[in-house]
N, C-alpha and C. Protein backbone atom coordinates (compact mmCIF):
# COMPACT_ATOMS: atom_id res chain seq x y z
N MET A 1 200.24 11.23 -23.44
CA MET A 1 199.85 11.83 -24.97
C MET A 1 200.59 10.99 -26.25
N LYS A 2 201.41 10.38 -25.84
CA LYS A 2 201.73 9.15 -27.00
C LYS A 2 200.52 8.28 -27.45
N SER A 3 199.87 7.84 -26.48
CA SER A 3 198.75 6.97 -26.64
C SER A 3 197.53 7.66 -27.07
N SER A 4 197.18 8.96 -26.86
CA SER A 4 196.40 9.46 -27.78
C SER A 4 196.55 9.97 -29.06
N SER A 5 198.07 10.16 -29.35
CA SER A 5 198.16 10.33 -31.02
C SER A 5 198.28 9.05 -31.74
N LYS A 6 198.64 7.93 -31.17
CA LYS A 6 198.46 6.36 -31.57
C LYS A 6 197.02 6.18 -32.19
N ALA A 7 196.17 6.63 -31.04
CA ALA A 7 194.80 6.54 -31.11
C ALA A 7 194.17 7.50 -32.49
N LEU A 8 194.29 8.45 -32.45
CA LEU A 8 194.34 9.41 -33.46
C LEU A 8 194.68 9.22 -34.55
N PHE A 9 195.93 8.64 -35.06
CA PHE A 9 196.70 8.06 -36.18
C PHE A 9 195.59 6.67 -36.73
N VAL A 10 195.46 5.63 -35.75
CA VAL A 10 194.99 4.50 -36.12
C VAL A 10 193.55 4.82 -36.55
N THR A 11 192.62 5.69 -35.69
CA THR A 11 191.25 6.03 -36.34
C THR A 11 191.19 6.54 -37.72
N ALA A 12 192.22 7.73 -37.79
CA ALA A 12 192.34 8.39 -39.25
C ALA A 12 192.46 7.16 -40.15
N ALA A 13 193.55 6.27 -39.88
CA ALA A 13 193.90 5.44 -40.88
C ALA A 13 192.69 4.31 -41.30
N LEU A 14 192.06 4.00 -40.37
CA LEU A 14 190.80 3.20 -40.27
C LEU A 14 189.94 3.68 -41.47
N ILE A 15 189.69 5.08 -40.84
CA ILE A 15 188.53 5.51 -41.94
C ILE A 15 188.99 5.95 -43.19
N THR A 16 190.15 5.98 -43.46
CA THR A 16 190.63 6.39 -44.72
C THR A 16 190.40 4.87 -45.65
N LEU A 17 191.05 3.60 -44.92
CA LEU A 17 191.00 2.72 -45.37
C LEU A 17 189.66 1.83 -45.96
N LEU A 18 188.48 2.57 -44.74
CA LEU A 18 187.12 1.93 -45.04
C LEU A 18 186.61 2.46 -46.15
N PHE A 19 186.84 4.04 -46.18
CA PHE A 19 185.95 4.74 -47.40
C PHE A 19 186.84 5.17 -48.44
N ALA A 20 188.05 4.66 -48.66
CA ALA A 20 188.85 5.12 -49.96
C ALA A 20 188.44 4.08 -51.07
N PRO A 21 188.10 2.77 -51.00
CA PRO A 21 187.86 2.22 -51.73
C PRO A 21 186.44 2.74 -52.70
N ALA A 22 185.29 3.17 -51.67
CA ALA A 22 184.00 3.45 -52.04
C ALA A 22 183.90 4.91 -52.57
N ALA A 23 185.38 5.45 -52.28
CA ALA A 23 185.20 6.94 -52.99
C ALA A 23 185.37 6.99 -54.41
N GLN A 24 185.48 6.05 -55.10
CA GLN A 24 185.52 5.93 -56.38
C GLN A 24 184.22 5.40 -57.20
N ALA A 25 183.21 5.38 -56.61
CA ALA A 25 182.08 4.49 -56.99
C ALA A 25 181.51 5.14 -58.56
N ASN A 26 181.26 4.26 -59.46
CA ASN A 26 180.75 4.87 -60.62
C ASN A 26 179.45 5.44 -60.62
N THR A 27 179.33 6.53 -61.25
CA THR A 27 177.70 7.04 -61.23
C THR A 27 177.57 7.41 -62.53
N LEU A 28 176.02 7.39 -62.93
CA LEU A 28 175.69 7.87 -64.20
C LEU A 28 175.68 9.28 -64.54
N VAL A 29 176.33 9.70 -65.57
CA VAL A 29 176.56 11.14 -66.04
C VAL A 29 175.44 11.59 -66.94
N ALA A 30 175.31 10.76 -68.09
CA ALA A 30 174.29 11.08 -69.20
C ALA A 30 173.68 10.11 -69.68
N THR A 31 172.42 10.29 -70.48
CA THR A 31 171.64 9.47 -71.02
C THR A 31 171.13 9.98 -72.21
N SER A 32 171.47 9.11 -73.42
CA SER A 32 170.49 9.53 -74.56
C SER A 32 169.61 8.27 -75.12
N PRO A 33 168.48 8.59 -75.02
CA PRO A 33 167.77 9.94 -75.15
C PRO A 33 167.57 10.23 -73.42
N ILE A 34 167.27 11.05 -73.04
CA ILE A 34 167.43 11.82 -71.68
C ILE A 34 166.22 11.43 -71.18
N ALA A 35 166.62 11.25 -69.75
CA ALA A 35 165.53 10.40 -68.97
C ALA A 35 164.39 11.18 -69.00
N GLY A 36 162.97 10.78 -68.92
CA GLY A 36 161.82 11.48 -68.74
C GLY A 36 161.68 12.23 -70.21
N SER A 37 162.27 12.20 -71.19
CA SER A 37 162.08 13.00 -72.45
C SER A 37 161.15 12.46 -73.28
N THR A 38 160.44 13.14 -73.91
CA THR A 38 159.22 12.81 -75.15
C THR A 38 159.83 12.84 -76.54
N LEU A 39 159.98 11.77 -77.14
CA LEU A 39 160.67 11.65 -78.67
C LEU A 39 159.74 11.64 -79.67
N LYS A 40 159.46 12.26 -80.81
CA LYS A 40 158.78 11.91 -82.12
C LYS A 40 159.37 11.12 -82.94
N ALA A 41 160.49 11.03 -83.04
CA ALA A 41 161.27 9.75 -83.92
C ALA A 41 162.16 9.03 -82.73
N GLY A 42 161.80 7.71 -83.36
CA GLY A 42 162.78 6.57 -82.27
C GLY A 42 164.21 6.58 -82.52
N PRO A 43 164.87 6.24 -81.42
CA PRO A 43 165.99 6.33 -81.41
C PRO A 43 166.58 5.26 -82.12
N SER A 44 167.76 5.52 -82.91
CA SER A 44 168.51 4.00 -83.29
C SER A 44 169.49 3.49 -82.26
N ALA A 45 169.91 4.10 -81.19
CA ALA A 45 170.51 3.68 -80.03
C ALA A 45 170.40 4.29 -78.79
N ILE A 46 170.71 3.24 -77.96
CA ILE A 46 170.84 4.22 -76.52
C ILE A 46 171.91 4.26 -75.77
N THR A 47 172.29 5.48 -75.63
CA THR A 47 173.70 5.47 -74.75
C THR A 47 173.59 5.96 -73.51
N ILE A 48 174.52 5.58 -72.64
CA ILE A 48 174.41 5.78 -71.49
C ILE A 48 175.96 5.63 -71.22
N THR A 49 176.22 6.87 -70.42
CA THR A 49 177.76 7.74 -69.84
C THR A 49 177.86 7.54 -68.61
N THR A 50 178.98 7.39 -68.26
CA THR A 50 179.24 7.04 -66.71
C THR A 50 180.61 7.63 -66.61
N GLU A 51 180.75 8.02 -65.46
CA GLU A 51 181.93 8.74 -65.04
C GLU A 51 182.99 7.96 -65.29
N PHE A 52 183.26 6.65 -64.92
CA PHE A 52 184.48 5.74 -65.14
C PHE A 52 184.35 4.77 -66.07
N PRO A 53 185.51 4.55 -66.77
CA PRO A 53 185.60 3.60 -68.15
C PRO A 53 185.04 2.38 -67.66
N LEU A 54 183.94 1.61 -68.47
CA LEU A 54 183.45 0.59 -68.10
C LEU A 54 184.58 -0.46 -69.02
N ILE A 55 184.13 -2.01 -68.21
CA ILE A 55 184.92 -3.22 -68.77
C ILE A 55 184.24 -3.53 -69.85
N GLU A 56 184.66 -4.47 -70.90
CA GLU A 56 183.99 -4.69 -71.96
C GLU A 56 183.19 -5.67 -71.65
N GLU A 57 183.21 -6.82 -70.81
CA GLU A 57 182.29 -7.80 -70.74
C GLU A 57 181.41 -7.40 -69.15
N GLY A 58 180.36 -8.36 -69.49
CA GLY A 58 179.43 -8.23 -68.62
C GLY A 58 178.17 -7.37 -68.35
N ASN A 59 178.18 -5.98 -69.19
CA ASN A 59 177.49 -5.11 -69.16
C ASN A 59 176.15 -5.39 -69.80
N GLU A 60 175.21 -4.82 -69.67
CA GLU A 60 173.83 -5.23 -70.18
C GLU A 60 172.78 -4.19 -70.27
N ILE A 61 172.05 -3.46 -71.14
CA ILE A 61 171.07 -2.60 -71.57
C ILE A 61 169.95 -3.51 -71.95
N ALA A 62 168.88 -3.39 -71.52
CA ALA A 62 167.78 -3.77 -72.10
C ALA A 62 166.67 -2.70 -72.12
N VAL A 63 165.74 -2.70 -73.32
CA VAL A 63 164.76 -1.67 -73.40
C VAL A 63 163.67 -2.34 -73.81
N THR A 64 162.47 -1.97 -73.07
CA THR A 64 161.35 -2.56 -73.38
C THR A 64 160.26 -1.44 -73.71
N ASP A 65 159.18 -2.37 -74.48
CA ASP A 65 158.01 -1.16 -74.90
C ASP A 65 156.96 -1.17 -73.92
N PRO A 66 156.11 -0.08 -74.15
CA PRO A 66 155.06 -0.43 -73.13
C PRO A 66 154.30 -1.89 -72.97
N ASN A 67 154.27 -2.70 -73.70
CA ASN A 67 153.70 -4.00 -73.63
C ASN A 67 154.77 -4.66 -72.80
N GLY A 68 156.16 -4.52 -72.67
CA GLY A 68 157.03 -5.22 -72.08
C GLY A 68 157.81 -6.02 -73.15
N LYS A 69 157.86 -5.79 -74.46
CA LYS A 69 158.55 -6.55 -75.13
C LYS A 69 159.89 -5.83 -75.52
N ARG A 70 161.15 -6.49 -75.62
CA ARG A 70 162.39 -6.37 -76.06
C ARG A 70 162.62 -5.26 -77.32
N VAL A 71 162.95 -4.07 -77.45
CA VAL A 71 162.89 -3.60 -78.44
C VAL A 71 164.19 -3.17 -79.09
N ASP A 72 165.32 -3.58 -77.92
CA ASP A 72 167.00 -3.12 -78.75
C ASP A 72 167.22 -4.77 -78.92
N THR A 73 168.21 -4.36 -79.95
CA THR A 73 168.98 -5.64 -80.91
C THR A 73 169.72 -6.46 -80.00
N GLY A 74 170.32 -6.31 -78.80
CA GLY A 74 170.62 -7.24 -77.83
C GLY A 74 172.38 -6.85 -78.38
N ILE A 75 172.56 -5.85 -79.30
CA ILE A 75 174.27 -5.67 -79.55
C ILE A 75 174.62 -4.85 -78.83
N LEU A 76 175.46 -4.73 -77.62
CA LEU A 76 175.94 -3.68 -76.83
C LEU A 76 177.49 -3.46 -77.29
N THR A 77 177.83 -2.07 -77.26
CA THR A 77 179.27 -1.57 -77.58
C THR A 77 179.75 -0.81 -76.45
N VAL A 78 180.49 -1.18 -76.04
CA VAL A 78 181.48 -0.20 -74.88
C VAL A 78 182.51 0.56 -75.43
N LEU A 79 182.46 1.75 -75.27
CA LEU A 79 183.40 2.85 -75.78
C LEU A 79 183.88 3.42 -74.79
N GLY A 80 184.47 3.34 -73.94
CA GLY A 80 185.59 4.06 -72.81
C GLY A 80 184.19 4.00 -71.39
N THR A 81 183.75 5.33 -71.80
CA THR A 81 182.43 5.85 -70.48
C THR A 81 181.55 5.25 -70.80
N ASP A 82 181.41 5.09 -72.52
CA ASP A 82 179.83 5.11 -72.96
C ASP A 82 179.53 3.58 -73.07
N ALA A 83 178.47 3.06 -72.94
CA ALA A 83 177.58 2.16 -73.30
C ALA A 83 176.69 2.38 -74.62
N VAL A 84 176.60 1.54 -75.60
CA VAL A 84 175.80 2.10 -76.47
C VAL A 84 174.91 0.66 -76.96
N ALA A 85 173.44 0.55 -76.98
CA ALA A 85 172.66 -0.56 -77.47
C ALA A 85 171.81 -0.06 -78.55
N GLU A 86 172.18 -0.79 -79.43
CA GLU A 86 171.66 -0.76 -80.88
C GLU A 86 169.87 -0.96 -80.60
N MET A 87 169.38 -0.28 -81.49
CA MET A 87 167.65 -0.35 -81.18
C MET A 87 167.00 -0.84 -82.36
N LYS A 88 165.89 -1.79 -82.46
CA LYS A 88 164.91 -1.86 -83.27
C LYS A 88 164.03 -0.77 -83.51
N PRO A 89 163.59 -0.31 -85.05
CA PRO A 89 162.56 0.71 -85.13
C PRO A 89 161.70 0.61 -84.26
N LEU A 90 161.03 1.68 -83.28
CA LEU A 90 159.89 1.68 -82.59
C LEU A 90 158.45 1.72 -83.16
N GLU A 91 157.78 1.03 -83.14
CA GLU A 91 156.34 1.07 -83.82
C GLU A 91 155.27 1.44 -82.75
N THR A 92 155.39 1.49 -81.39
CA THR A 92 154.18 1.84 -80.58
C THR A 92 154.39 3.02 -79.84
N SER A 93 153.70 3.64 -79.61
CA SER A 93 153.35 4.80 -78.96
C SER A 93 153.20 4.40 -77.31
N GLY A 94 154.11 5.52 -76.68
CA GLY A 94 154.33 5.02 -74.76
C GLY A 94 155.31 5.29 -74.47
N VAL A 95 155.08 4.76 -73.03
CA VAL A 95 156.78 4.88 -72.51
C VAL A 95 157.30 3.64 -72.38
N TYR A 96 158.75 3.81 -72.75
CA TYR A 96 159.75 2.79 -72.77
C TYR A 96 160.58 2.86 -71.72
N LYS A 97 161.45 1.77 -71.25
CA LYS A 97 161.76 1.60 -70.26
C LYS A 97 163.07 1.17 -70.47
N VAL A 98 164.15 1.86 -69.90
CA VAL A 98 165.50 1.20 -70.39
C VAL A 98 166.23 0.92 -68.78
N SER A 99 166.61 -0.52 -68.98
CA SER A 99 167.26 -0.88 -67.49
C SER A 99 168.99 -1.23 -67.90
N TYR A 100 169.67 -0.91 -67.08
CA TYR A 100 171.21 -1.17 -67.30
C TYR A 100 171.82 -1.74 -66.14
N LEU A 101 172.85 -2.41 -66.18
CA LEU A 101 173.44 -3.06 -65.52
C LEU A 101 175.08 -2.91 -66.19
N LEU A 102 175.97 -1.83 -65.69
CA LEU A 102 177.26 -1.46 -65.98
C LEU A 102 178.50 -1.72 -65.08
N LEU A 103 179.36 -2.07 -65.65
CA LEU A 103 180.75 -2.76 -64.49
C LEU A 103 181.89 -1.78 -64.93
N SER A 104 182.25 -1.25 -63.99
CA SER A 104 183.60 -0.83 -64.34
C SER A 104 184.77 -1.73 -63.61
N GLU A 105 185.80 -1.44 -63.57
CA GLU A 105 187.06 -1.94 -63.30
C GLU A 105 186.99 -1.98 -61.57
N ALA A 106 187.20 -2.83 -60.74
CA ALA A 106 187.27 -2.84 -59.53
C ALA A 106 185.82 -2.19 -58.82
N ASP A 107 184.99 -2.02 -59.16
CA ASP A 107 183.66 -1.25 -58.64
C ASP A 107 182.50 -2.13 -58.68
N ILE A 108 181.35 -1.78 -57.62
CA ILE A 108 180.47 -2.31 -57.29
C ILE A 108 179.56 -2.03 -58.86
N PRO A 109 178.63 -2.90 -59.31
CA PRO A 109 177.98 -2.76 -60.63
C PRO A 109 176.95 -1.37 -60.37
N LEU A 110 176.97 -0.81 -61.54
CA LEU A 110 176.25 0.62 -61.58
C LEU A 110 174.60 -0.06 -62.32
N GLU A 111 173.62 -0.20 -61.29
CA GLU A 111 172.80 -0.68 -61.71
C GLU A 111 171.17 0.07 -61.69
N GLY A 112 170.34 0.07 -63.02
CA GLY A 112 169.09 1.02 -62.52
C GLY A 112 168.18 1.08 -63.68
N SER A 113 167.52 2.38 -63.81
CA SER A 113 166.81 2.31 -65.14
C SER A 113 166.00 3.54 -64.85
N TYR A 114 165.64 3.87 -66.47
CA TYR A 114 164.98 5.34 -66.39
C TYR A 114 163.96 4.95 -67.78
N THR A 115 163.12 5.89 -67.89
CA THR A 115 162.17 5.73 -68.84
C THR A 115 162.09 6.95 -70.09
N PHE A 116 161.67 6.86 -71.19
CA PHE A 116 161.44 8.22 -72.04
C PHE A 116 160.06 7.25 -72.86
N THR A 117 159.55 8.64 -73.27
CA THR A 117 157.88 8.27 -73.78
C THR A 117 158.42 8.51 -75.41
N TYR A 118 157.78 7.51 -76.06
CA TYR A 118 157.77 7.88 -77.63
C TYR A 118 156.45 8.01 -78.15
N SER A 119 156.25 9.02 -78.94
CA SER A 119 154.87 9.40 -79.39
C SER A 119 154.90 9.57 -80.81
N ALA A 120 154.69 8.35 -81.55
CA ALA A 120 154.45 8.04 -82.92
C ALA A 120 153.53 9.31 -83.58
N VAL A 121 154.15 9.87 -84.87
CA VAL A 121 153.39 10.46 -85.53
C VAL A 121 152.55 10.00 -86.16
N VAL A 122 150.94 10.46 -86.02
CA VAL A 122 150.23 9.78 -86.83
C VAL A 122 149.55 10.83 -87.87
N LEU A 123 149.50 10.14 -89.10
CA LEU A 123 149.06 11.05 -89.91
C LEU A 123 147.70 11.06 -90.30
N SER A 124 146.77 12.46 -90.17
CA SER A 124 145.53 11.96 -90.41
C SER A 124 144.95 13.42 -90.91
N THR A 125 143.79 13.50 -91.15
CA THR A 125 143.10 14.67 -92.28
C THR A 125 142.71 15.53 -90.84
N PRO A 126 142.59 16.83 -91.09
CA PRO A 126 142.08 17.75 -89.81
C PRO A 126 140.92 17.89 -89.92
N SER A 127 140.14 17.47 -89.24
CA SER A 127 138.51 17.93 -88.82
C SER A 127 137.86 19.12 -88.08
N ALA A 128 136.83 19.64 -88.58
CA ALA A 128 136.50 20.81 -87.96
C ALA A 128 136.30 20.64 -86.43
N SER A 129 135.61 19.70 -86.13
CA SER A 129 135.17 19.43 -84.81
C SER A 129 136.07 18.88 -83.78
N ALA A 130 137.49 18.49 -84.47
CA ALA A 130 138.59 17.90 -83.29
C ALA A 130 139.52 19.20 -83.06
N ALA A 131 139.29 19.58 -81.69
CA ALA A 131 139.84 20.61 -81.15
C ALA A 131 140.90 20.12 -80.24
N PRO A 132 142.25 20.47 -80.17
CA PRO A 132 143.33 19.92 -79.27
C PRO A 132 143.09 20.34 -78.00
N GLN A 133 143.25 19.09 -77.16
CA GLN A 133 142.84 18.99 -75.58
C GLN A 133 144.10 19.16 -74.81
N PRO A 134 144.40 20.11 -73.89
CA PRO A 134 145.59 19.90 -73.52
C PRO A 134 145.68 18.82 -72.49
N THR A 135 147.02 18.20 -72.42
CA THR A 135 147.04 17.18 -71.62
C THR A 135 148.21 17.52 -70.36
N ALA A 136 148.31 16.86 -69.21
CA ALA A 136 149.41 17.17 -67.90
C ALA A 136 150.35 16.37 -68.41
N SER A 137 151.56 16.75 -68.29
CA SER A 137 152.88 16.19 -68.63
C SER A 137 153.56 15.89 -66.85
N ALA A 138 154.00 14.71 -67.26
CA ALA A 138 154.22 14.09 -65.87
C ALA A 138 155.95 14.86 -66.03
N THR A 139 156.46 15.06 -64.65
CA THR A 139 157.64 15.49 -64.35
C THR A 139 158.35 14.66 -63.90
N SER A 140 159.94 14.52 -64.64
CA SER A 140 160.59 13.83 -64.42
C SER A 140 161.75 14.11 -63.14
N GLU A 141 161.96 12.87 -62.37
CA GLU A 141 162.97 13.35 -61.32
C GLU A 141 164.66 13.19 -62.19
N PRO A 142 165.69 13.73 -61.72
CA PRO A 142 166.70 13.59 -62.26
C PRO A 142 167.05 12.10 -61.76
N VAL A 143 168.16 11.73 -62.91
CA VAL A 143 168.46 10.40 -62.86
C VAL A 143 169.66 10.16 -62.43
N GLY A 144 170.15 9.26 -61.34
CA GLY A 144 171.97 9.23 -61.07
C GLY A 144 171.99 8.64 -59.41
N SER A 145 173.25 8.79 -59.36
CA SER A 145 173.02 7.96 -57.86
C SER A 145 173.83 9.19 -57.11
N ASN A 146 173.28 9.16 -55.74
CA ASN A 146 173.68 10.22 -54.91
C ASN A 146 174.75 9.46 -54.05
N PHE A 147 175.06 8.13 -54.32
CA PHE A 147 176.25 7.64 -53.45
C PHE A 147 177.56 8.49 -53.29
N GLY A 148 177.77 8.93 -54.02
CA GLY A 148 179.18 10.03 -54.08
C GLY A 148 178.70 11.18 -53.25
N THR A 149 177.76 11.70 -53.13
CA THR A 149 177.37 13.10 -52.43
C THR A 149 177.03 12.32 -50.87
N ASN A 150 176.61 11.35 -51.00
CA ASN A 150 176.52 10.69 -49.33
C ASN A 150 178.03 10.62 -48.74
N LEU A 151 178.65 9.46 -49.74
CA LEU A 151 179.83 9.71 -49.18
C LEU A 151 180.59 10.57 -48.60
N PHE A 152 180.66 11.76 -49.60
CA PHE A 152 181.55 12.92 -49.28
C PHE A 152 180.80 13.18 -47.96
N VAL A 153 179.48 12.97 -47.55
CA VAL A 153 179.21 13.94 -46.16
C VAL A 153 179.39 12.88 -45.04
N ILE A 154 179.59 11.67 -45.33
CA ILE A 154 180.24 10.74 -44.45
C ILE A 154 181.53 10.97 -44.35
N PHE A 155 182.66 11.24 -45.22
CA PHE A 155 183.76 11.51 -44.83
C PHE A 155 183.94 12.71 -44.24
N LEU A 156 183.23 13.97 -44.55
CA LEU A 156 183.12 15.13 -43.80
C LEU A 156 182.96 15.10 -42.14
N LEU A 157 182.07 14.20 -42.04
CA LEU A 157 181.49 13.62 -40.80
C LEU A 157 182.75 13.25 -40.21
N GLY A 158 183.24 12.11 -40.61
CA GLY A 158 184.32 11.23 -40.11
C GLY A 158 185.30 12.37 -39.76
N LEU A 159 185.68 13.31 -40.65
CA LEU A 159 186.95 14.10 -40.28
C LEU A 159 186.76 14.94 -39.44
N SER A 160 185.35 15.60 -38.92
CA SER A 160 184.95 16.47 -38.14
C SER A 160 185.15 15.81 -36.66
N ILE A 161 184.81 14.56 -36.71
CA ILE A 161 185.08 13.57 -35.37
C ILE A 161 186.58 13.67 -34.84
N LEU A 162 187.41 13.40 -36.26
CA LEU A 162 188.76 13.41 -35.86
C LEU A 162 189.41 14.42 -35.51
N VAL A 163 188.74 15.57 -35.73
CA VAL A 163 188.86 17.05 -35.51
C VAL A 163 188.80 17.12 -34.26
N LEU A 164 187.81 16.96 -33.71
CA LEU A 164 187.17 16.98 -32.50
C LEU A 164 187.98 16.46 -31.31
N VAL A 165 188.44 15.05 -31.78
CA VAL A 165 189.30 13.98 -30.86
C VAL A 165 190.62 14.79 -30.82
N GLY A 166 191.34 15.53 -32.06
CA GLY A 166 192.56 16.07 -32.10
C GLY A 166 192.53 17.49 -31.01
N MET A 167 191.42 17.87 -31.28
CA MET A 167 191.45 19.28 -30.34
C MET A 167 191.24 18.79 -28.80
N GLY A 168 190.49 17.75 -28.37
CA GLY A 168 190.11 17.28 -27.26
C GLY A 168 191.63 16.94 -26.45
N ALA A 169 192.43 16.26 -27.20
CA ALA A 169 193.48 15.91 -26.75
C ALA A 169 194.75 16.96 -26.68
N TYR A 170 194.54 17.50 -27.53
CA TYR A 170 195.34 18.98 -27.17
C TYR A 170 195.21 20.08 -26.32
N ALA A 171 193.69 20.09 -25.80
CA ALA A 171 193.26 20.68 -24.94
C ALA A 171 193.54 20.23 -23.49
N ARG A 172 193.61 18.69 -23.91
CA ARG A 172 194.00 18.09 -22.69
C ARG A 172 195.71 18.35 -22.20
N LYS A 173 196.35 18.27 -23.28
CA LYS A 173 197.79 18.20 -23.09
C LYS A 173 197.88 19.97 -22.36
N ILE A 174 197.29 20.59 -22.47
CA ILE A 174 197.43 22.04 -22.06
C ILE A 174 197.03 22.22 -20.92
N PHE A 175 195.81 21.88 -20.61
CA PHE A 175 195.42 21.66 -18.89
C PHE A 175 196.41 21.02 -18.06
N LYS A 176 196.93 19.86 -18.49
CA LYS A 176 197.59 19.24 -17.59
C LYS A 176 199.11 19.80 -17.33
N GLU A 177 199.56 20.58 -18.24
CA GLU A 177 201.06 21.37 -18.27
C GLU A 177 200.45 22.76 -17.33
N LYS A 178 199.66 23.06 -17.12
CA LYS A 178 199.32 23.86 -16.12
C LYS A 178 199.24 23.79 -14.75
């Protein structure tokens, strides 16, 4: 009985040690502008909010226009869980890509990208023959990391295995006593 208790304890300790550091992985909480949104006015800054506070150095946010030209100023400010990148005025309509690499204390880098659409306002005089044509809009997928969810499911699986082993050891003890 003592050896099975020790084995159970060692297994629980190993699982805890293996998954404890990863349990606090940083995730994306919000973006401004919102991923997949369409803007009529260009943003003055891009803000990315994370779950855990970011460190001051080593973070990067790059915004590119439809032609691949960078449109951020290169100035990045970190305010707790927010990373704010200043923007140049947007001139070209189209899909803009925001790529980010964010670092928090003792964590793996949070890296990814998302897009938003800028639709510049065009001033023109209406004509009688110009009728608006409907256009299909692209649906956007939620942006974020599913790492935390995956980790939680793995933890529950490990916990259920531990419970199963414990119940087996207890059943073995009961049947040995009879």
